[in-house]
């Protein structure tokens, strides 16, 4: 699919995100406002939150802020959306992996 999993990405939700259309989703596929979730990112910086049920949802700028992320991802997001990186713990050693899933 082209998604590159990266460890050490944590996001804090600024709003609730649900799948669209919701009736096709598994129960529990939701990222709730105020909660903290693990996430993955592709090599272009697109962020995907991991729901409590293991399903994933893409998140857009304004829907979340980073709590932890690797340096390469901070570099991408700092260009346009620096507010969502401010105050986050940045991991210097992490790089996007080269395998695709």
Protein backbone atom coordinates (compact mmCIF):
# COMPACT_ATOMS: atom_id res chain seq x y z
CA UNK A 1 0.00 0.00 0.00
CA UNK A 2 2.97 2.34 0.30
CA UNK A 3 2.63 3.22 3.99
CA UNK A 4 5.89 3.29 5.88
CA UNK A 5 5.51 2.44 9.53
CA UNK A 6 7.59 4.46 11.93
CA UNK A 7 7.83 3.95 15.64
CA UNK A 8 7.59 6.74 18.19
CA UNK A 9 4.75 8.74 16.67
CA UNK A 10 2.13 9.83 19.21
CA UNK A 11 -0.72 12.19 18.42
CA UNK A 12 -3.20 14.07 20.59
CA UNK A 13 -6.59 14.52 18.97
CA UNK A 14 -7.95 18.08 18.69
CA UNK A 15 -11.26 16.78 17.34
CA UNK A 16 -13.03 13.46 16.92
CA UNK A 17 -12.36 11.68 13.62
CA UNK A 18 -14.67 8.96 12.29
CA UNK A 19 -14.53 6.95 9.07
CA UNK A 20 -16.60 8.05 6.11
CA UNK A 21 -18.97 6.39 5.42
CA UNK A 22 -19.31 5.34 9.04
CA UNK A 23 -21.72 2.44 8.35
CA UNK A 24 -18.94 0.50 6.54
CA UNK A 25 -16.49 0.74 9.46
CA UNK A 26 -15.84 -1.81 12.17
CA UNK A 27 -17.23 -0.86 15.59
CA UNK A 28 -14.70 1.19 17.54
CA UNK A 29 -13.05 2.76 14.49
CA UNK A 30 -12.79 6.26 15.91
CA UNK A 31 -10.13 8.68 17.11
CA UNK A 32 -11.69 10.61 19.99
CA UNK A 33 -11.15 14.25 20.88
CA UNK A 34 -8.67 14.69 23.74
CA UNK A 35 -7.26 11.16 23.51
CA UNK A 36 -3.70 10.11 22.67
CA UNK A 37 -3.01 7.55 19.95
CA UNK A 38 -0.06 5.86 18.28
CA UNK A 39 0.29 6.71 14.61
CA UNK A 40 2.19 5.82 11.46
CA UNK A 41 3.27 8.04 8.58
CA UNK A 42 4.22 7.57 4.97
CA UNK A 43 7.41 8.99 3.45
CA UNK A 44 5.53 12.13 2.39
CA UNK A 45 4.39 12.89 5.94
CA UNK A 46 0.75 11.77 5.75
CA UNK A 47 -0.28 10.70 9.26
CA UNK A 48 -2.55 7.76 10.08
CA UNK A 49 -3.89 7.28 13.61
CA UNK A 50 -4.27 3.78 15.03
CA UNK A 51 -7.66 3.29 16.70
CA UNK A 52 -8.11 1.26 19.86
CA UNK A 53 -9.58 -1.58 17.77
CA UNK A 54 -6.45 -1.69 15.57
CA UNK A 55 -8.06 -0.05 12.53
CA UNK A 56 -6.47 3.06 11.05
CA UNK A 57 -7.79 6.48 10.06
CA UNK A 58 -6.03 9.22 8.17
CA UNK A 59 -5.88 12.53 10.02
CA UNK A 60 -5.65 16.02 8.57
CA UNK A 61 -3.96 19.18 9.82
CA UNK A 62 -6.07 20.72 12.57
CA UNK A 63 -7.46 17.37 13.70
CA UNK A 64 -4.41 16.48 15.81
CA UNK A 65 -1.12 17.68 17.22
CA UNK A 66 2.08 15.70 17.64
CA UNK A 67 3.30 14.62 21.07
CA UNK A 68 6.21 12.54 19.72
CA UNK A 69 7.62 12.19 16.23
CA UNK A 70 10.86 11.47 14.38
CA UNK A 71 13.03 14.31 13.09
CA UNK A 72 12.34 13.57 9.40
CA UNK A 73 8.59 13.93 10.02
CA UNK A 74 9.06 17.10 12.07
CA UNK A 75 11.04 18.55 9.16
CA UNK A 76 8.13 17.91 6.77
CA UNK A 77 5.39 19.26 9.06
CA UNK A 78 7.42 22.28 10.19
CA UNK A 79 7.35 23.68 6.65
CA UNK A 80 3.59 24.34 6.62
CA UNK A 81 2.03 23.34 9.95
CA UNK A 82 4.71 24.15 12.52
CA UNK A 83 2.13 24.79 15.26
CA UNK A 84 1.30 21.08 15.48
CA UNK A 85 4.98 20.16 16.04
CA UNK A 86 5.72 22.81 18.70
CA UNK A 87 6.36 21.22 22.09
CA UNK A 88 6.55 17.67 20.70
CA UNK A 89 9.32 15.26 21.64
CA UNK A 90 11.44 14.79 18.51
CA UNK A 91 13.42 11.58 18.03
CA UNK A 92 16.62 12.32 16.14
CA UNK A 93 17.48 8.75 15.13
CA UNK A 94 14.24 7.64 13.50
CA UNK A 95 14.01 7.48 9.70
CA UNK A 96 11.22 6.27 7.45
CA UNK A 97 11.68 2.60 6.70
CA UNK A 98 12.17 1.57 3.11
CA UNK A 99 9.91 -1.48 3.02
CA UNK A 100 6.35 -1.13 1.80
CA UNK A 101 3.32 -2.95 3.14
